Amino acid sequence: MEKPISTIETGGRFLVTPITDTNIFTREDFSEEQREIQEMVQGFCTEHIAPFKEELEKKDKELTFSLLQKIAELGLLGIDVPEEYGGMELDKITAAIVAEESSHSECASFVVTWSTNLGIGSLPIVWFGTPAQKEKYLPRLIDGTCLGAYGLTEPSAGSDALAAKTTAVLSEDGKHYILNGEKVFITNGGWADVYTVFAKVDGEKFTAFIVERDTPGFTQGPEYDKMGMRGSSTTPLIFQNAKVPVENLLYEVGKGHHIAFNVLNMGRFKMSASLLGGSKLTTTASIEYILERRQFGKAIAHFDTTIGKVADMVVHTFSADCMTYRTVGMIQNAIDGLDNTDTNYYIKMGEAMEKYAIESSMAKVYCSELNGKVIDSGLQMMGGYGFIEEYTMARQYRDCRIDRIWEGTNEINRQIITGYMMKKALMEELPIQGAIREIEQYMKNGELEAESEILLAESNVVETSKRLALYLLNEGICEFGQDLKHQQQIADILANIFMDIYVAESTVLRAKKMLGNPTSHPSVEGVAKIFVAEMAQQMVQLAETALKGIYNGDLSPLMHENLNAFRSRLYLPTNTIGLKREIAAYAYSKKCYPY
């Protein structure tokens, strides 16, 4: 018997599961302990880090390390480390909460230093290290006395990590691996003491090694003069016959890609949470400014164009919140099903997280692009003051540009989204082929049966958008087969459509959950209505562009008929302008991001 869709534990299932059969994790589901940690991290960052943001921006290593040691005293450098090595080993939802609240430090450079040590600087050893390696390195990485770094990127191998040219050759006496090559753009590069470095054993077997700062033949290059994140250390790493002890081989020869990809999946959802926190703070700061700043005899907050900008900031930040914690909730649910006494527990944890690589990539892309738009709008509302370095918006504008590049460029992440969805369709990991066959029947008479009328029209639009996405995916595969992944502009459109559906559904589901609570403000319904209406309007245009790309502009009368049918069912008579005025008014009354 075929497994029910609602019980399939894998990424991408949102595309084939009715919204009425879907429950998601949201911040309203935080436990009391998680809320206490949230409040503690926010308070610490506000009181002990934010006041030093200007000094931290000057790349003050001594100050950075002193603050990291204070963070370590709270246990916040070891949230993913097992208790036996001095860590707290908290769940992934709590890890995301810590990442979100770290934004209250108001210094992205410091957050990068902290989060790199916490994540890619430590996790390879947590997950793949031997007991001896964990005993040696983890206590130092979580007590604030040393930093970790991660050496993957090379001058000719960025997102294509497996094209690395750094080599590792076993010495004649079998005691060392001799590394030669160069890594670039390494966060914490000039300050770290412990590095996870990737090289090809015998020029072909992609492998990870733990490298210490004082390793003979290993040096750190000069600090880069960066556009943003100026308070963090970023350098090249240079290996000239560097002698790495064989006991510092991490995991197994030829299995470095398991380490690299699993750590990046973790990094993506944590980064999304951090950017979410930043978007909320920027929205709040912008609201505070425009309520005070007056032009033509009134606060600029009350100009209609400004109202629209603020509402957009609020709506899309709310949506980012919904999809981020939905993603983390699914990952945690998969991890909860594992046996933590299994010797391969962390290997299986990585496999569990990889199941949701689609959603992790979506969260990274959406939140990084959202944060850039929110900061851009905030700067615009400040006018000339936003362009002056004396104010923080200029620094934020510079800092946020890297977010679309690291943890895998957004272009690569879009290819991951579409590529994984294609794989799940072709390998029948999800019942996508069956769902495609049912599109025609749905378009004739498919309607949701729901207990409540709340956001029912929007829910139906989300369901129709899924059929449109499936229709496009099928047309692309029929025309190009597996070569669809090489049609990158079309693949990008598909990724954007998948992402819009996931975010829209997440937004509707959280809004409905909140509206079931009498303490929630009714404007949250307007947030969902705006997002879905604007998403649907954009999706029809994207779909037509994709079909023209697939068929070289030669669309048959049947395709035009199908497009018009989708267009009709995706239409919503929503007064988004009026709703935006209501949402902005609520945000003004709260003088902050209100949800």
Protein backbone atom coordinates (compact mmCIF):
# COMPACT_ATOMS: atom_id res chain seq x y z
CA MET A 1 0.00 0.00 0.00
CA GLU A 2 1.30 3.47 -0.90
CA LYS A 3 2.34 5.52 2.10
CA PRO A 4 -0.06 8.44 2.81
CA ILE A 5 1.41 11.73 1.66
CA SER A 6 0.88 13.35 5.06
CA THR A 7 3.23 10.82 6.70
CA ILE A 8 6.08 11.07 4.18
CA GLU A 9 9.08 12.56 5.95
CA THR A 10 11.00 14.30 3.23
CA GLY A 11 11.45 17.73 1.76
CA GLY A 12 9.23 19.02 -1.03
CA ARG A 13 6.11 17.26 0.18
CA PHE A 14 4.33 20.62 0.50
CA LEU A 15 3.90 20.46 -3.27
CA VAL A 16 1.74 17.33 -3.13
CA THR A 17 0.08 17.64 0.29
CA PRO A 18 -3.20 19.58 0.64
CA ILE A 19 -2.93 22.66 2.82
CA THR A 20 -5.87 21.31 4.84
CA ASP A 21 -3.78 18.23 5.77
CA THR A 22 -0.78 20.29 6.86
CA ASN A 23 0.24 21.43 10.33
CA ILE A 24 3.38 23.49 10.78
CA PHE A 25 5.60 24.53 13.65
CA THR A 26 5.57 28.28 14.34
CA ARG A 27 6.95 30.57 17.02
CA GLU A 28 3.59 30.31 18.79
CA ASP A 29 4.64 26.71 19.59
CA PHE A 30 7.83 27.66 21.46
CA SER A 31 8.14 25.93 24.83
CA GLU A 32 8.50 27.89 28.04
CA GLU A 33 12.19 26.98 28.18
CA GLN A 34 12.70 28.18 24.61
CA ARG A 35 11.04 31.49 25.44
CA GLU A 36 13.29 31.91 28.46
CA ILE A 37 16.38 31.30 26.31
CA GLN A 38 15.01 33.72 23.73
CA GLU A 39 14.61 36.43 26.36
CA MET A 40 18.03 35.69 27.87
CA VAL A 41 19.91 35.90 24.55
CA GLN A 42 18.06 39.04 23.48
CA GLY A 43 18.78 40.72 26.79
CA PHE A 44 22.44 39.76 26.81
CA CYS A 45 23.03 40.96 23.25
CA THR A 46 21.21 44.23 23.88
CA GLU A 47 23.00 44.98 27.14
CA HIS A 48 26.49 43.55 26.66
CA ILE A 49 27.25 43.55 22.91
CA ALA A 50 25.24 46.31 21.21
CA PRO A 51 26.88 49.10 23.27
CA PHE A 52 30.26 48.08 21.81
CA LYS A 53 29.19 47.76 18.17
CA GLU A 54 31.30 50.69 16.99
CA GLU A 55 34.46 49.31 18.62
CA LEU A 56 33.72 45.82 17.29
CA GLU A 57 33.45 47.23 13.77
CA LYS A 58 37.11 48.26 14.05
CA LYS A 59 38.15 44.60 14.17
CA ASP A 60 39.03 44.66 17.85
CA LYS A 61 40.17 41.09 18.47
CA GLU A 62 40.67 41.51 22.23
CA LEU A 63 37.16 42.93 22.69
CA THR A 64 35.66 40.25 20.45
CA PHE A 65 37.27 37.44 22.44
CA SER A 66 36.27 38.98 25.77
CA LEU A 67 32.63 39.08 24.65
CA LEU A 68 32.83 35.54 23.30
CA GLN A 69 34.02 34.37 26.70
CA LYS A 70 30.98 36.02 28.31
CA ILE A 71 28.79 34.23 25.79
CA ALA A 72 30.59 30.99 26.65
CA GLU A 73 29.78 31.48 30.33
CA LEU A 74 26.10 31.38 29.35
CA GLY A 75 26.68 28.15 27.43
CA LEU A 76 25.87 29.81 24.12
CA LEU A 77 29.01 28.62 22.34
CA GLY A 78 28.10 25.00 22.99
CA ILE A 79 24.44 24.78 22.11
CA ASP A 80 25.12 22.01 19.54
CA VAL A 81 27.88 20.26 21.51
CA PRO A 82 27.19 17.13 23.62
CA GLU A 83 27.10 17.62 27.38
CA GLU A 84 29.97 15.18 27.90
CA TYR A 85 32.27 17.71 26.22
CA GLY A 86 30.89 20.68 28.14
CA GLY A 87 28.11 21.65 25.75
CA MET A 88 24.34 22.01 26.09
CA GLU A 89 23.22 20.02 23.00
CA LEU A 90 19.99 21.93 22.60
CA ASP A 91 17.43 21.14 19.92
CA LYS A 92 17.60 22.80 16.49
CA ILE A 93 14.59 25.00 17.18
CA THR A 94 16.39 26.52 20.16
CA ALA A 95 19.54 26.87 18.04
CA ALA A 96 17.49 28.87 15.52
CA ILE A 97 16.05 31.01 18.31
CA VAL A 98 19.57 31.82 19.53
CA ALA A 99 20.55 32.71 15.96
CA GLU A 100 17.54 35.01 15.58
CA GLU A 101 18.09 36.79 18.88
CA SER A 102 21.82 37.25 18.22
CA SER A 103 20.77 40.02 15.82
CA HIS A 104 20.11 42.19 18.90
CA SER A 105 23.86 42.65 19.15
CA GLU A 106 23.34 45.14 16.30
CA CYS A 107 26.72 44.14 14.90
CA ALA A 108 26.62 41.69 12.02
CA SER A 109 30.40 41.33 12.08
CA PHE A 110 30.35 40.04 15.64
CA VAL A 111 27.44 37.71 14.89
CA VAL A 112 29.43 36.25 11.99
CA THR A 113 32.44 35.57 14.23
CA TRP A 114 30.21 33.99 16.87
CA SER A 115 28.04 31.95 14.51
CA THR A 116 31.00 30.67 12.49
CA ASN A 117 32.61 29.28 15.62
CA LEU A 118 29.26 27.90 16.77
CA GLY A 119 28.42 26.35 13.41
CA ILE A 120 30.88 25.46 10.66
CA GLY A 121 33.82 26.00 13.01
CA SER A 122 32.67 23.31 15.48
CA LEU A 123 30.00 21.12 13.90
CA PRO A 124 32.31 19.07 11.64
CA ILE A 125 34.07 17.83 14.78
CA VAL A 126 30.81 17.40 16.73
CA TRP A 127 29.28 15.30 13.98
CA PHE A 128 32.20 13.49 12.42
CA GLY A 129 35.08 13.62 14.90
CA THR A 130 36.47 10.65 16.80
CA PRO A 131 36.07 10.62 20.60
CA ALA A 132 39.70 11.68 20.90
CA GLN A 133 39.23 14.58 18.47
CA LYS A 134 36.12 15.73 20.29
CA GLU A 135 37.86 15.53 23.67
CA LYS A 136 40.80 17.54 22.39
CA TYR A 137 39.05 20.33 20.49
CA LEU A 138 35.44 20.83 21.56
CA PRO A 139 36.03 22.10 25.13
CA ARG A 140 38.33 24.79 23.73
CA LEU A 141 35.88 25.78 21.01
CA ILE A 142 33.05 26.33 23.48
CA ASP A 143 34.83 28.08 26.33
CA GLY A 144 35.66 31.19 24.32
CA THR A 145 39.43 30.73 24.43
CA CYS A 146 39.82 29.69 20.80
CA LEU A 147 37.92 30.06 17.55
CA GLY A 148 37.04 27.61 14.84
CA ALA A 149 37.07 28.22 11.10
CA TYR A 150 36.11 26.31 7.97
CA GLY A 151 38.34 26.11 4.90
CA LEU A 152 36.34 25.06 1.84
CA THR A 153 36.35 27.84 -0.79
CA GLU A 154 39.31 28.14 -3.19
CA PRO A 155 40.29 30.68 -5.87
CA SER A 156 38.87 28.40 -8.59
CA ALA A 157 36.31 26.48 -6.50
CA GLY A 158 33.54 28.48 -4.84
CA SER A 159 30.09 26.94 -4.94
CA ASP A 160 31.61 24.04 -6.89
CA ALA A 161 33.42 22.80 -3.79
CA LEU A 162 34.26 19.40 -5.25
CA ALA A 163 36.47 21.13 -7.84
CA ALA A 164 38.97 21.95 -5.07
CA LYS A 165 42.64 21.74 -6.02
CA THR A 166 44.19 21.63 -2.55
CA THR A 167 45.91 18.26 -2.27
CA ALA A 168 46.81 15.92 0.57
CA VAL A 169 49.43 13.18 0.23
CA LEU A 170 50.32 10.66 2.94
CA SER A 171 53.96 11.01 4.01
CA GLU A 172 56.37 8.11 3.47
CA ASP A 173 56.43 7.30 7.17
CA GLY A 174 52.61 7.32 7.27
CA LYS A 175 52.50 9.84 10.14
CA HIS A 176 51.30 12.96 8.32
CA TYR A 177 49.23 14.17 5.40
CA ILE A 178 51.11 16.82 3.42
CA LEU A 179 48.73 19.56 2.30
CA ASN A 180 49.39 22.00 -0.55
CA GLY A 181 47.02 24.65 -1.84
CA GLU A 182 45.11 27.77 -0.89
CA LYS A 183 41.72 28.57 0.60
CA VAL A 184 40.11 32.00 0.23
CA PHE A 185 37.46 34.14 1.98
CA ILE A 186 37.79 32.20 5.24
CA THR A 187 35.74 33.72 8.05
CA ASN A 188 37.70 33.80 11.35
CA GLY A 189 40.75 32.98 9.21
CA GLY A 190 43.13 35.36 10.99
CA TRP A 191 41.84 34.68 14.51
CA ALA A 192 41.08 30.95 14.56
CA ASP A 193 43.12 28.24 16.25
CA VAL A 194 41.30 25.23 14.78
CA TYR A 195 40.34 24.84 11.13
CA THR A 196 38.33 22.21 9.26
CA VAL A 197 40.07 22.09 5.89
CA PHE A 198 39.10 20.17 2.77
CA ALA A 199 41.65 18.67 0.38
CA LYS A 200 41.84 15.88 -2.18
CA VAL A 201 43.85 12.89 -1.03
CA ASP A 202 46.07 11.79 -3.89
CA GLY A 203 44.45 14.53 -5.95
CA GLU A 204 41.01 12.94 -6.17
CA LYS A 205 39.49 11.81 -2.84
CA PHE A 206 37.71 14.82 -1.29
CA THR A 207 38.57 14.65 2.41
CA ALA A 208 38.42 16.81 5.54
CA PHE A 209 41.20 17.44 8.06
CA ILE A 210 41.50 19.24 11.39
CA VAL A 211 44.34 21.73 11.07
CA GLU A 212 45.80 23.70 13.98
CA ARG A 213 47.13 27.23 13.65
CA ASP A 214 50.73 26.31 14.43
CA THR A 215 50.90 23.45 11.90
CA PRO A 216 54.28 23.58 10.09
CA GLY A 217 53.80 24.83 6.53
CA PHE A 218 50.41 26.43 7.27
CA THR A 219 50.01 30.22 7.29
CA GLN A 220 47.19 32.72 7.17
CA GLY A 221 47.26 35.43 4.53
CA PRO A 222 46.54 39.13 5.15
CA GLU A 223 43.10 40.38 6.09
CA TYR A 224 40.86 41.23 3.15
CA ASP A 225 39.68 44.83 2.84
CA LYS A 226 35.98 44.03 2.63
CA MET A 227 32.95 46.02 1.56
CA GLY A 228 31.07 44.97 4.69
CA MET A 229 31.42 42.77 7.79
CA ARG A 230 34.53 44.81 8.52
CA GLY A 231 34.68 43.83 12.18
CA SER A 232 35.22 40.15 11.41
CA SER A 233 38.43 38.45 10.35
CA THR A 234 38.53 37.10 6.79
CA THR A 235 41.76 35.83 5.27
CA PRO A 236 43.20 33.29 2.84
CA LEU A 237 44.72 30.07 4.20
CA ILE A 238 47.97 28.94 2.61
CA PHE A 239 49.35 25.40 2.69
CA GLN A 240 52.94 24.81 1.61
CA ASN A 241 53.85 21.24 2.47
CA ALA A 242 51.80 21.62 5.65
CA LYS A 243 52.25 18.58 7.91
CA VAL A 244 48.92 17.47 9.36
CA PRO A 245 49.06 14.45 11.72
CA VAL A 246 47.15 11.42 10.43
CA GLU A 247 45.07 11.40 13.60
CA ASN A 248 43.64 14.74 12.39
CA LEU A 249 41.92 13.10 9.44
CA LEU A 250 38.22 13.89 9.95
CA TYR A 251 35.80 11.03 9.28
CA GLU A 252 37.03 8.97 6.33
CA VAL A 253 39.16 9.48 3.24
CA GLY A 254 36.97 10.42 0.28
CA LYS A 255 33.92 11.32 2.38
CA GLY A 256 34.54 15.02 2.86
CA HIS A 257 31.46 15.88 0.82
CA HIS A 258 29.23 14.41 3.56
CA ILE A 259 30.76 16.84 6.03
CA ALA A 260 30.66 19.83 3.69
CA PHE A 261 27.06 19.48 2.56
CA ASN A 262 25.57 18.54 5.94
CA VAL A 263 27.23 21.46 7.68
CA LEU A 264 26.02 23.84 4.96
CA ASN A 265 22.43 22.61 5.33
CA MET A 266 22.62 23.41 9.05
CA GLY A 267 24.22 26.77 8.35
CA ARG A 268 21.49 27.78 5.95
CA PHE A 269 18.57 27.54 8.35
CA LYS A 270 20.54 29.16 11.17
CA MET A 271 21.53 31.99 8.85
CA SER A 272 17.88 32.39 7.86
CA ALA A 273 16.89 32.78 11.51
CA SER A 274 19.60 35.37 12.09
CA LEU A 275 18.52 37.37 9.03
CA LEU A 276 14.91 37.15 10.18
CA GLY A 277 15.93 38.79 13.45
CA GLY A 278 17.76 41.49 11.53
CA SER A 279 14.73 42.22 9.35
CA LYS A 280 12.56 42.68 12.44
CA LEU A 281 15.05 45.08 14.03
CA THR A 282 15.42 47.10 10.82
CA THR A 283 11.65 47.33 10.46
CA THR A 284 11.33 48.52 14.04
CA ALA A 285 14.13 51.07 13.69
CA SER A 286 12.58 52.40 10.47
CA ILE A 287 9.16 52.79 12.09
CA GLU A 288 10.64 54.65 15.04
CA TYR A 289 12.47 57.02 12.68
CA ILE A 290 9.58 57.82 10.33
CA LEU A 291 7.20 58.49 13.21
CA GLU A 292 9.56 61.25 14.38
CA ARG A 293 10.86 62.63 11.06
CA ARG A 294 8.60 65.40 9.66
CA GLN A 295 8.31 66.78 6.15
CA PHE A 296 5.66 69.13 4.71
CA GLY A 297 4.18 69.55 8.16
CA LYS A 298 3.61 65.92 9.12
CA ALA A 299 5.49 62.77 10.06
CA ILE A 300 6.71 60.97 6.94
CA ALA A 301 5.17 57.80 8.36
CA HIS A 302 1.79 59.11 7.22
CA PHE A 303 2.64 59.58 3.55
CA ASP A 304 0.88 56.85 1.61
CA THR A 305 4.02 55.68 -0.20
CA THR A 306 5.78 55.26 3.13
CA ILE A 307 2.79 53.35 4.47
CA GLY A 308 3.10 50.92 1.57
CA LYS A 309 6.82 50.41 2.19
CA VAL A 310 6.31 49.72 5.89
CA ALA A 311 3.50 47.26 5.19
CA ASP A 312 5.68 45.40 2.69
CA MET A 313 8.46 45.16 5.27
CA VAL A 314 6.04 43.78 7.85
CA VAL A 315 4.26 41.35 5.50
CA HIS A 316 7.40 39.76 4.10
CA THR A 317 9.17 39.62 7.45
CA PHE A 318 6.12 37.83 8.86
CA SER A 319 6.27 35.38 5.94
CA ALA A 320 9.98 34.78 6.49
CA ASP A 321 9.21 33.97 10.12
CA CYS A 322 6.56 31.44 9.08
CA MET A 323 8.71 29.55 6.59
CA THR A 324 11.88 29.63 8.71
CA TYR A 325 10.36 28.02 11.79
CA ARG A 326 8.27 25.66 9.69
CA THR A 327 11.53 24.41 8.17
CA VAL A 328 13.34 24.10 11.49
CA GLY A 329 10.32 22.34 12.97
CA MET A 330 10.37 19.68 10.24
CA ILE A 331 14.10 19.15 10.70
CA GLN A 332 13.71 18.80 14.46
CA ASN A 333 10.83 16.39 14.00
CA ALA A 334 13.03 14.19 11.80
CA ILE A 335 15.87 14.32 14.34
CA ASP A 336 13.49 13.44 17.19
CA GLY A 337 12.85 10.14 15.45
CA LEU A 338 16.50 9.09 15.75
CA ASP A 339 18.13 7.02 18.47
CA ASN A 340 20.65 9.34 20.15
CA THR A 341 22.54 6.34 21.58
CA ASP A 342 23.30 5.06 18.08
CA THR A 343 27.03 5.29 17.30
CA ASN A 344 26.03 6.77 13.93
CA TYR A 345 23.61 9.27 15.48
CA TYR A 346 25.26 12.37 14.01
CA ILE A 347 25.67 10.77 10.60
CA LYS A 348 21.95 10.01 10.62
CA MET A 349 21.22 13.54 11.88
CA GLY A 350 22.99 14.86 8.80
CA GLU A 351 20.92 12.57 6.61
CA ALA A 352 17.75 13.74 8.35
CA MET A 353 18.64 17.38 7.69
CA GLU A 354 19.53 16.63 4.07
CA LYS A 355 15.95 15.43 3.54
CA TYR A 356 14.96 19.07 3.90
CA ALA A 357 17.69 20.56 1.72
CA ILE A 358 14.98 22.10 -0.49
CA GLU A 359 13.40 23.96 2.40
CA SER A 360 16.77 24.96 3.92
CA SER A 361 17.84 26.45 0.59
CA MET A 362 14.49 28.22 0.26
CA ALA A 363 14.87 29.75 3.71
CA LYS A 364 18.39 30.94 2.93
CA VAL A 365 17.41 32.50 -0.40
CA TYR A 366 14.18 34.08 0.83
CA CYS A 367 15.55 35.52 4.07
CA SER A 368 18.76 36.87 2.53
CA GLU A 369 16.89 38.62 -0.26
CA LEU A 370 14.20 39.85 2.10
CA ASN A 371 16.76 41.30 4.51
CA GLY A 372 18.39 43.19 1.65
CA LYS A 373 15.04 44.64 0.58
CA VAL A 374 14.07 45.60 4.12
CA ILE A 375 17.37 47.40 4.69
CA ASP A 376 17.10 49.11 1.30
CA SER A 377 13.62 50.37 2.19
CA GLY A 378 14.79 51.49 5.62
CA LEU A 379 17.67 53.43 4.12
CA GLN A 380 15.37 55.01 1.53
CA MET A 381 12.97 56.22 4.21
CA MET A 382 15.87 57.84 6.06
CA GLY A 383 16.80 59.77 2.93
CA GLY A 384 20.23 61.41 3.05
CA TYR A 385 20.74 60.34 6.67
CA GLY A 386 20.60 56.71 5.60
CA PHE A 387 23.59 57.32 3.34
CA ILE A 388 25.75 58.73 6.14
CA GLU A 389 28.08 56.36 7.99
CA GLU A 390 27.23 58.05 11.27
CA TYR A 391 23.93 56.17 11.13
CA THR A 392 23.75 52.38 11.27
CA MET A 393 21.69 51.86 8.11
CA ALA A 394 24.67 52.52 5.85
CA ARG A 395 26.69 49.81 7.59
CA GLN A 396 23.77 47.41 7.47
CA TYR A 397 23.42 48.05 3.75
CA ARG A 398 27.06 47.10 3.19
CA ASP A 399 26.97 44.15 5.56
CA CYS A 400 23.88 42.50 4.11
CA ARG A 401 25.23 42.20 0.57
CA ILE A 402 27.33 39.14 1.43
CA ASP A 403 24.25 37.23 2.60
CA ARG A 404 23.30 36.35 -0.97
CA ILE A 405 26.79 34.96 -1.60
CA TRP A 406 27.94 32.83 1.32
CA GLU A 407 26.45 29.52 2.49
CA GLY A 408 26.13 28.82 -1.25
CA THR A 409 25.19 31.66 -3.59
CA ASN A 410 21.48 32.20 -4.09
CA GLU A 411 21.95 31.11 -7.69
CA ILE A 412 23.34 27.76 -6.54
CA ASN A 413 20.63 27.39 -3.92
CA ARG A 414 17.96 27.94 -6.56
CA GLN A 415 19.51 25.17 -8.62
CA ILE A 416 19.45 22.96 -5.50
CA ILE A 417 15.74 23.67 -5.02
CA THR A 418 14.75 22.72 -8.57
CA GLY A 419 17.33 19.94 -8.85
CA TYR A 420 16.15 18.18 -5.72
CA MET A 421 12.50 18.58 -6.74
CA MET A 422 13.28 17.02 -10.13
CA LYS A 423 15.10 14.17 -8.42
CA LYS A 424 12.18 13.50 -6.10
CA ALA A 425 9.85 13.44 -9.11
CA LEU A 426 12.00 11.19 -11.29
CA MET A 427 12.95 8.82 -8.45
CA GLU A 428 9.32 8.75 -7.25
CA GLU A 429 10.42 9.75 -3.76
CA LEU A 430 7.26 11.85 -3.76
CA PRO A 431 4.05 11.03 -5.67
CA ILE A 432 4.61 13.92 -8.05
CA GLN A 433 3.78 11.96 -11.19
CA GLY A 434 0.42 10.98 -9.72
CA ALA A 435 -0.25 14.58 -8.71
CA ILE A 436 0.52 15.72 -12.27
CA ARG A 437 -1.99 13.25 -13.69
CA GLU A 438 -4.69 14.69 -11.41
CA ILE A 439 -4.19 18.32 -12.45
CA GLU A 440 -6.87 18.28 -15.16
CA GLN A 441 -9.48 16.84 -12.83
CA TYR A 442 -8.64 19.38 -10.12
CA MET A 443 -8.89 22.28 -12.54
CA LYS A 444 -12.38 21.14 -13.52
CA ASN A 445 -13.94 20.89 -10.08
CA GLY A 446 -11.31 20.85 -7.34
CA GLU A 447 -12.17 22.87 -4.25
CA LEU A 448 -11.02 22.54 -0.67
CA GLU A 449 -13.37 21.30 1.97
CA ALA A 450 -12.58 23.29 5.09
CA GLU A 451 -14.26 23.70 8.47
CA SER A 452 -13.61 27.44 8.49
CA GLU A 453 -14.07 30.20 5.94
CA ILE A 454 -11.03 32.04 7.31
CA LEU A 455 -8.54 32.46 4.45
CA LEU A 456 -10.37 29.79 2.46
CA ALA A 457 -10.04 31.69 -0.83
CA GLU A 458 -6.30 32.11 -0.18
CA SER A 459 -5.97 28.42 0.66
CA ASN A 460 -7.63 27.51 -2.64
CA VAL A 461 -5.21 29.79 -4.48
CA VAL A 462 -2.27 28.08 -2.78
CA GLU A 463 -3.63 24.71 -3.93
CA THR A 464 -4.07 25.97 -7.50
CA SER A 465 -0.55 27.37 -7.48
CA LYS A 466 0.75 23.91 -6.63
CA ARG A 467 -0.95 22.53 -9.75
CA LEU A 468 0.56 25.29 -11.86
CA ALA A 469 4.01 24.46 -10.48
CA LEU A 470 3.51 20.76 -11.20
CA TYR A 471 2.25 21.59 -14.69
CA LEU A 472 5.38 23.63 -15.42
CA LEU A 473 7.70 21.02 -13.93
CA ASN A 474 6.09 18.34 -16.10
CA GLU A 475 6.36 20.45 -19.25
CA GLY A 476 10.02 21.13 -18.53
CA ILE A 477 10.86 17.48 -17.88
CA CYS A 478 8.92 16.32 -20.94
CA GLU A 479 10.83 18.74 -23.16
CA PHE A 480 14.32 18.51 -21.66
CA GLY A 481 14.36 15.41 -19.46
CA GLN A 482 17.15 15.53 -16.86
CA ASP A 483 18.78 18.27 -18.95
CA LEU A 484 16.18 20.64 -17.48
CA LYS A 485 18.71 21.31 -14.71
CA HIS A 486 21.00 22.84 -17.36
CA GLN A 487 18.24 25.24 -18.46
CA GLN A 488 19.16 27.43 -15.53
CA GLN A 489 16.94 30.42 -16.26
CA ILE A 490 13.91 28.12 -16.41
CA ALA A 491 15.14 26.26 -13.32
CA ASP A 492 15.41 29.60 -11.51
CA ILE A 493 11.79 30.41 -12.35
CA LEU A 494 10.69 27.01 -11.08
CA ALA A 495 12.68 27.55 -7.87
CA ASN A 496 11.02 30.94 -7.36
CA ILE A 497 7.57 29.42 -7.89
CA PHE A 498 8.26 26.53 -5.49
CA MET A 499 9.55 29.02 -2.94
CA ASP A 500 6.55 31.34 -3.32
CA ILE A 501 4.17 28.42 -2.77
CA TYR A 502 6.04 27.25 0.32
CA VAL A 503 6.15 30.74 1.83
CA ALA A 504 2.51 31.47 0.97
CA GLU A 505 1.27 28.23 2.47
CA SER A 506 3.39 28.78 5.59
CA THR A 507 1.98 32.29 5.93
CA VAL A 508 -1.64 31.16 5.61
CA LEU A 509 -1.17 28.30 8.06
CA ARG A 510 0.46 30.46 10.72
CA ALA A 511 -2.11 33.23 10.24
CA LYS A 512 -4.95 30.75 10.70
CA LYS A 513 -3.31 29.40 13.84
CA MET A 514 -2.93 32.92 15.24
CA LEU A 515 -6.48 33.89 14.35
CA GLY A 516 -7.67 30.98 16.48
CA ASN A 517 -6.23 32.83 19.48
CA PRO A 518 -8.43 35.74 20.64
CA THR A 519 -5.35 37.70 21.75
CA SER A 520 -3.97 37.89 18.19
CA HIS A 521 -4.59 41.09 16.25
CA PRO A 522 -7.02 40.62 13.33
CA SER A 523 -4.63 42.42 10.95
CA VAL A 524 -2.69 39.16 10.67
CA GLU A 525 -5.42 37.98 8.29
CA GLY A 526 -4.60 40.94 6.06
CA VAL A 527 -0.94 39.93 6.05
CA ALA A 528 -1.81 36.53 4.61
CA LYS A 529 -4.29 38.00 2.13
CA ILE A 530 -1.70 40.45 0.79
CA PHE A 531 1.04 37.88 0.44
CA VAL A 532 -1.10 35.31 -1.37
CA ALA A 533 -2.73 37.86 -3.71
CA GLU A 534 0.58 39.35 -4.77
CA MET A 535 2.22 35.93 -5.05
CA ALA A 536 -0.54 34.62 -7.30
CA GLN A 537 -0.41 37.63 -9.61
CA GLN A 538 3.34 37.26 -9.99
CA MET A 539 3.18 33.50 -10.48
CA VAL A 540 1.08 33.67 -13.66
CA GLN A 541 3.65 35.98 -15.23
CA LEU A 542 6.51 33.68 -14.21
CA ALA A 543 4.68 30.65 -15.59
CA GLU A 544 4.13 32.26 -18.96
CA THR A 545 7.78 33.28 -19.16
CA ALA A 546 8.87 29.73 -18.31
CA LEU A 547 6.60 28.16 -20.94
CA LYS A 548 7.89 30.54 -23.59
CA GLY A 549 11.41 29.50 -22.60
CA ILE A 550 10.57 25.81 -22.77
CA TYR A 551 8.86 26.04 -26.17
CA ASN A 552 10.84 28.86 -27.75
CA GLY A 553 7.86 31.19 -27.58
CA ASP A 554 5.63 28.88 -29.60
CA LEU A 555 2.72 28.17 -27.24
CA SER A 556 -0.12 26.06 -28.54
CA PRO A 557 -3.77 27.15 -28.23
CA LEU A 558 -4.16 24.47 -25.53
CA MET A 559 -1.33 26.00 -23.48
CA HIS A 560 -2.92 29.43 -23.74
CA GLU A 561 -6.19 27.87 -22.62
CA ASN A 562 -4.45 26.19 -19.66
CA LEU A 563 -2.72 29.42 -18.67
CA ASN A 564 -5.99 31.31 -18.76
CA ALA A 565 -7.61 28.63 -16.60
CA PHE A 566 -4.82 28.97 -14.03
CA ARG A 567 -5.02 32.76 -14.26
CA SER A 568 -8.74 32.69 -13.55
CA ARG A 569 -8.40 30.42 -10.53
CA LEU A 570 -5.46 32.40 -9.13
CA TYR A 571 -7.33 35.69 -9.25
CA LEU A 572 -8.22 37.27 -5.91
CA PRO A 573 -10.19 40.54 -5.61
CA THR A 574 -8.02 41.63 -2.70
CA ASN A 575 -7.64 45.34 -1.98
CA THR A 576 -3.97 45.05 -1.04
CA ILE A 577 -3.54 48.83 -0.84
CA GLY A 578 -6.29 49.15 1.75
CA LEU A 579 -4.99 46.21 3.77
CA LYS A 580 -1.49 47.67 3.75
CA ARG A 581 -2.82 50.84 5.33
CA GLU A 582 -4.38 48.79 8.12
CA ILE A 583 -1.19 46.81 8.74
CA ALA A 584 0.99 49.91 8.79
CA ALA A 585 -1.43 51.58 11.21
CA TYR A 586 -1.12 48.61 13.56
CA ALA A 587 2.68 48.67 13.30
CA TYR A 588 2.67 52.40 14.04
CA SER A 589 0.49 51.84 17.10
CA LYS A 590 3.02 49.31 18.39
CA LYS A 591 5.99 51.43 17.22
CA CYS A 592 7.76 48.25 16.08
CA TYR A 593 7.51 45.11 13.98
CA PRO A 594 4.21 43.98 15.51
CA TYR A 595 3.97 40.21 15.24
